[in-house]
Amino acid sequence: MQSKIRVFKLDEVKRGTSKRTGNPYEIHTAQAALIDEAGNIDTVGVLDIPPELRGKVTPGDFTGTFAMKTNFQNGRIESVLTGLTPIKAVGARG
């Protein structure tokens, strides 16, 4: 499953220690929008950034790849970001 995503900004990393396990954790998120086929903003929200993509996400337009996975906290099946490919702006060089 793929969607066009516009990342506006990265949020401050939330750090803590799990009350259940005592293990440290980090939560990385970004303010982002889903972009429709016409190039308009469809919806705005918070995008969870998985560990393998941390440090690779910057503001800009991307094609996001998603997979369906079970949320370990509540058992719900949810889409999870698995990849981001930058979209070059029309007329951009490089």
N, C-alpha and C. Protein backbone atom coordinates (compact mmCIF):
# COMPACT_ATOMS: atom_id res chain seq x y z
N MET A 1 0.85 -1.16 0.00
CA MET A 1 0.00 0.00 0.00
C MET A 1 0.91 1.24 0.00
N GLN A 2 0.63 2.21 -0.89
CA GLN A 2 1.43 3.42 -0.98
C GLN A 2 0.53 4.65 -0.91
N SER A 3 1.09 5.72 -0.35
CA SER A 3 0.40 7.01 -0.28
C SER A 3 1.43 8.12 -0.44
N LYS A 4 0.98 9.25 -1.01
CA LYS A 4 1.84 10.43 -1.07
C LYS A 4 1.70 11.16 0.25
N ILE A 5 2.85 11.48 0.84
CA ILE A 5 2.89 12.11 2.17
C ILE A 5 3.72 13.38 2.09
N ARG A 6 3.26 14.43 2.75
CA ARG A 6 4.05 15.65 2.90
C ARG A 6 4.39 15.79 4.38
N VAL A 7 5.70 15.77 4.68
CA VAL A 7 6.17 15.95 6.05
C VAL A 7 6.42 17.44 6.25
N PHE A 8 5.73 18.03 7.23
CA PHE A 8 5.91 19.45 7.52
C PHE A 8 7.06 19.68 8.48
N LYS A 9 7.10 18.90 9.57
CA LYS A 9 8.17 19.05 10.56
C LYS A 9 8.26 17.81 11.41
N LEU A 10 9.46 17.58 11.93
CA LEU A 10 9.68 16.49 12.87
C LEU A 10 9.36 16.99 14.27
N ASP A 11 8.70 16.16 15.05
CA ASP A 11 8.38 16.51 16.43
C ASP A 11 9.58 16.21 17.33
N GLU A 12 9.58 16.82 18.50
CA GLU A 12 10.61 16.52 19.49
C GLU A 12 10.46 15.05 19.90
N VAL A 13 11.59 14.36 20.00
CA VAL A 13 11.58 12.94 20.37
C VAL A 13 11.11 12.79 21.81
N LYS A 14 10.17 11.87 22.02
CA LYS A 14 9.70 11.58 23.38
C LYS A 14 10.50 10.39 23.89
N ARG A 15 11.10 10.56 25.06
CA ARG A 15 11.91 9.50 25.66
C ARG A 15 11.35 9.15 27.03
N GLY A 16 11.52 7.91 27.41
CA GLY A 16 11.04 7.49 28.72
C GLY A 16 11.49 6.08 29.04
N THR A 17 10.95 5.57 30.12
CA THR A 17 11.22 4.21 30.55
C THR A 17 9.88 3.50 30.72
N SER A 18 9.77 2.33 30.14
CA SER A 18 8.53 1.56 30.23
C SER A 18 8.26 1.16 31.67
N LYS A 19 7.04 1.45 32.14
CA LYS A 19 6.65 1.04 33.49
C LYS A 19 6.52 -0.47 33.58
N ARG A 20 6.14 -1.09 32.47
CA ARG A 20 5.92 -2.53 32.46
C ARG A 20 7.22 -3.33 32.43
N THR A 21 8.16 -2.91 31.56
CA THR A 21 9.39 -3.69 31.37
C THR A 21 10.63 -3.05 31.98
N GLY A 22 10.57 -1.73 32.22
CA GLY A 22 11.74 -1.01 32.71
C GLY A 22 12.73 -0.65 31.61
N ASN A 23 12.39 -0.98 30.36
CA ASN A 23 13.28 -0.68 29.23
C ASN A 23 13.10 0.76 28.77
N PRO A 24 14.19 1.40 28.33
CA PRO A 24 14.06 2.75 27.78
C PRO A 24 13.39 2.70 26.41
N TYR A 25 12.71 3.80 26.04
CA TYR A 25 12.09 3.86 24.72
C TYR A 25 12.19 5.27 24.17
N GLU A 26 12.04 5.38 22.85
CA GLU A 26 11.97 6.65 22.15
C GLU A 26 10.79 6.58 21.19
N ILE A 27 10.03 7.68 21.11
CA ILE A 27 8.93 7.76 20.16
C ILE A 27 9.23 8.92 19.21
N HIS A 28 9.40 8.57 17.93
CA HIS A 28 9.70 9.56 16.90
C HIS A 28 8.44 9.77 16.06
N THR A 29 8.02 11.02 15.90
CA THR A 29 6.84 11.36 15.11
C THR A 29 7.10 12.59 14.27
N ALA A 30 6.23 12.81 13.29
CA ALA A 30 6.31 14.00 12.44
C ALA A 30 4.91 14.51 12.17
N GLN A 31 4.79 15.81 11.98
CA GLN A 31 3.55 16.43 11.53
C GLN A 31 3.51 16.25 10.01
N ALA A 32 2.46 15.62 9.51
CA ALA A 32 2.43 15.25 8.09
C ALA A 32 1.02 15.33 7.54
N ALA A 33 0.93 15.26 6.21
CA ALA A 33 -0.37 15.25 5.53
C ALA A 33 -0.37 14.16 4.47
N LEU A 34 -1.53 13.58 4.25
CA LEU A 34 -1.74 12.70 3.11
C LEU A 34 -2.18 13.58 1.95
N ILE A 35 -1.58 13.36 0.78
CA ILE A 35 -1.84 14.17 -0.40
C ILE A 35 -2.65 13.34 -1.39
N ASP A 36 -3.75 13.91 -1.91
CA ASP A 36 -4.58 13.16 -2.86
C ASP A 36 -3.99 13.21 -4.27
N GLU A 37 -4.65 12.52 -5.19
CA GLU A 37 -4.17 12.42 -6.58
C GLU A 37 -4.05 13.78 -7.27
N ALA A 38 -4.87 14.75 -6.86
CA ALA A 38 -4.83 16.09 -7.46
C ALA A 38 -3.75 16.97 -6.85
N GLY A 39 -3.05 16.45 -5.83
CA GLY A 39 -2.00 17.22 -5.17
C GLY A 39 -2.49 18.07 -4.01
N ASN A 40 -3.73 17.86 -3.60
CA ASN A 40 -4.30 18.62 -2.48
C ASN A 40 -4.15 17.85 -1.18
N ILE A 41 -4.10 18.59 -0.08
CA ILE A 41 -4.02 17.95 1.23
C ILE A 41 -5.36 17.29 1.52
N ASP A 42 -5.31 15.98 1.81
CA ASP A 42 -6.51 15.22 2.13
C ASP A 42 -6.78 15.24 3.63
N THR A 43 -5.74 14.97 4.41
CA THR A 43 -5.87 14.97 5.86
C THR A 43 -4.51 15.25 6.49
N VAL A 44 -4.52 15.85 7.67
CA VAL A 44 -3.29 16.20 8.39
C VAL A 44 -3.28 15.44 9.70
N GLY A 45 -2.11 14.96 10.10
CA GLY A 45 -2.02 14.24 11.36
C GLY A 45 -0.59 13.95 11.76
N VAL A 46 -0.45 13.03 12.69
CA VAL A 46 0.86 12.65 13.22
C VAL A 46 1.27 11.33 12.58
N LEU A 47 2.49 11.29 12.04
CA LEU A 47 3.05 10.10 11.42
C LEU A 47 4.07 9.49 12.36
N ASP A 48 3.86 8.23 12.76
CA ASP A 48 4.85 7.52 13.57
C ASP A 48 6.00 7.10 12.68
N ILE A 49 7.23 7.35 13.15
CA ILE A 49 8.42 7.00 12.38
C ILE A 49 9.06 5.77 13.02
N PRO A 50 9.12 4.65 12.29
CA PRO A 50 9.68 3.43 12.86
C PRO A 50 11.20 3.54 13.03
N PRO A 51 11.78 2.71 13.90
CA PRO A 51 13.23 2.79 14.17
C PRO A 51 14.10 2.76 12.92
N GLU A 52 13.75 1.95 11.93
CA GLU A 52 14.60 1.82 10.74
C GLU A 52 14.58 3.06 9.85
N LEU A 53 13.64 3.98 10.06
CA LEU A 53 13.59 5.21 9.25
C LEU A 53 14.02 6.45 10.03
N ARG A 54 14.33 6.29 11.29
CA ARG A 54 14.75 7.44 12.10
C ARG A 54 16.07 7.99 11.57
N GLY A 55 16.14 9.31 11.47
CA GLY A 55 17.33 9.96 10.93
C GLY A 55 17.28 10.10 9.42
N LYS A 56 16.30 9.49 8.76
CA LYS A 56 16.18 9.55 7.31
C LYS A 56 15.01 10.43 6.86
N VAL A 57 14.16 10.81 7.81
CA VAL A 57 12.96 11.60 7.49
C VAL A 57 13.26 13.08 7.66
N THR A 58 12.93 13.86 6.64
CA THR A 58 13.10 15.31 6.66
C THR A 58 11.82 15.94 6.11
N PRO A 59 11.60 17.22 6.33
CA PRO A 59 10.45 17.85 5.70
C PRO A 59 10.52 17.73 4.17
N GLY A 60 9.39 17.48 3.55
CA GLY A 60 9.33 17.33 2.10
C GLY A 60 8.24 16.36 1.69
N ASP A 61 8.19 16.07 0.39
CA ASP A 61 7.18 15.17 -0.16
C ASP A 61 7.79 13.79 -0.40
N PHE A 62 7.01 12.76 -0.07
CA PHE A 62 7.48 11.38 -0.16
C PHE A 62 6.36 10.47 -0.66
N THR A 63 6.76 9.35 -1.22
CA THR A 63 5.85 8.24 -1.40
C THR A 63 6.09 7.34 -0.20
N GLY A 64 5.06 7.13 0.59
CA GLY A 64 5.17 6.28 1.77
C GLY A 64 4.64 4.90 1.47
N THR A 65 5.37 3.88 1.93
CA THR A 65 4.94 2.50 1.81
C THR A 65 4.50 2.02 3.18
N PHE A 66 3.38 1.33 3.21
CA PHE A 66 2.80 0.88 4.48
C PHE A 66 2.52 -0.61 4.44
N ALA A 67 2.54 -1.23 5.62
CA ALA A 67 2.15 -2.62 5.79
C ALA A 67 1.15 -2.69 6.94
N MET A 68 0.38 -3.74 6.97
CA MET A 68 -0.58 -3.95 8.05
C MET A 68 0.08 -4.81 9.13
N LYS A 69 0.01 -4.33 10.38
CA LYS A 69 0.60 -5.06 11.51
C LYS A 69 -0.33 -4.93 12.71
N THR A 70 -0.16 -5.84 13.66
CA THR A 70 -0.95 -5.80 14.88
C THR A 70 -0.26 -4.92 15.90
N ASN A 71 -0.99 -3.97 16.47
CA ASN A 71 -0.48 -3.10 17.52
C ASN A 71 -0.33 -3.93 18.79
N PHE A 72 0.89 -4.00 19.33
CA PHE A 72 1.15 -4.87 20.49
C PHE A 72 0.44 -4.38 21.75
N GLN A 73 0.07 -3.10 21.81
CA GLN A 73 -0.57 -2.57 23.01
C GLN A 73 -2.07 -2.85 23.08
N ASN A 74 -2.74 -2.78 21.91
CA ASN A 74 -4.20 -2.94 21.96
C ASN A 74 -4.75 -4.04 21.05
N GLY A 75 -3.87 -4.71 20.30
CA GLY A 75 -4.29 -5.81 19.45
C GLY A 75 -4.97 -5.41 18.15
N ARG A 76 -5.06 -4.11 17.87
CA ARG A 76 -5.70 -3.66 16.63
C ARG A 76 -4.75 -3.81 15.45
N ILE A 77 -5.32 -4.15 14.31
CA ILE A 77 -4.54 -4.20 13.08
C ILE A 77 -4.51 -2.79 12.51
N GLU A 78 -3.29 -2.28 12.28
CA GLU A 78 -3.09 -0.89 11.84
C GLU A 78 -2.06 -0.84 10.72
N SER A 79 -2.09 0.24 9.95
CA SER A 79 -1.05 0.44 8.95
C SER A 79 0.18 1.01 9.63
N VAL A 80 1.35 0.53 9.19
CA VAL A 80 2.62 0.95 9.76
C VAL A 80 3.53 1.38 8.62
N LEU A 81 4.17 2.54 8.77
CA LEU A 81 5.10 3.04 7.77
C LEU A 81 6.29 2.09 7.65
N THR A 82 6.59 1.65 6.42
CA THR A 82 7.72 0.74 6.21
C THR A 82 8.79 1.32 5.29
N GLY A 83 8.47 2.40 4.57
CA GLY A 83 9.46 3.00 3.69
C GLY A 83 9.02 4.38 3.22
N LEU A 84 10.01 5.21 2.91
CA LEU A 84 9.77 6.55 2.36
C LEU A 84 10.71 6.79 1.19
N THR A 85 10.15 7.20 0.07
CA THR A 85 10.96 7.54 -1.10
C THR A 85 10.69 9.01 -1.42
N PRO A 86 11.75 9.85 -1.43
CA PRO A 86 11.54 11.28 -1.74
C PRO A 86 10.95 11.46 -3.13
N ILE A 87 10.07 12.44 -3.26
CA ILE A 87 9.50 12.81 -4.56
C ILE A 87 10.17 14.10 -4.97
N LYS A 88 10.83 14.08 -6.13
CA LYS A 88 11.49 15.29 -6.62
C LYS A 88 10.44 16.27 -7.11
N ALA A 89 10.65 17.53 -6.78
CA ALA A 89 9.74 18.59 -7.25
C ALA A 89 9.88 18.73 -8.76
N VAL A 90 8.79 19.07 -9.44
CA VAL A 90 8.82 19.27 -10.88
C VAL A 90 9.79 20.40 -11.18
N GLY A 91 10.71 20.15 -12.11
CA GLY A 91 11.69 21.15 -12.48
C GLY A 91 12.93 21.15 -11.60
N ALA A 92 12.98 20.25 -10.60
CA ALA A 92 14.15 20.19 -9.72
C ALA A 92 15.31 19.54 -10.46
N ARG A 93 16.48 20.00 -10.17
CA ARG A 93 17.68 19.43 -10.78
C ARG A 93 18.37 18.53 -9.78
N GLY A 94 19.10 17.56 -10.30
CA GLY A 94 19.84 16.71 -9.40
C GLY A 94 19.70 15.36 -9.79
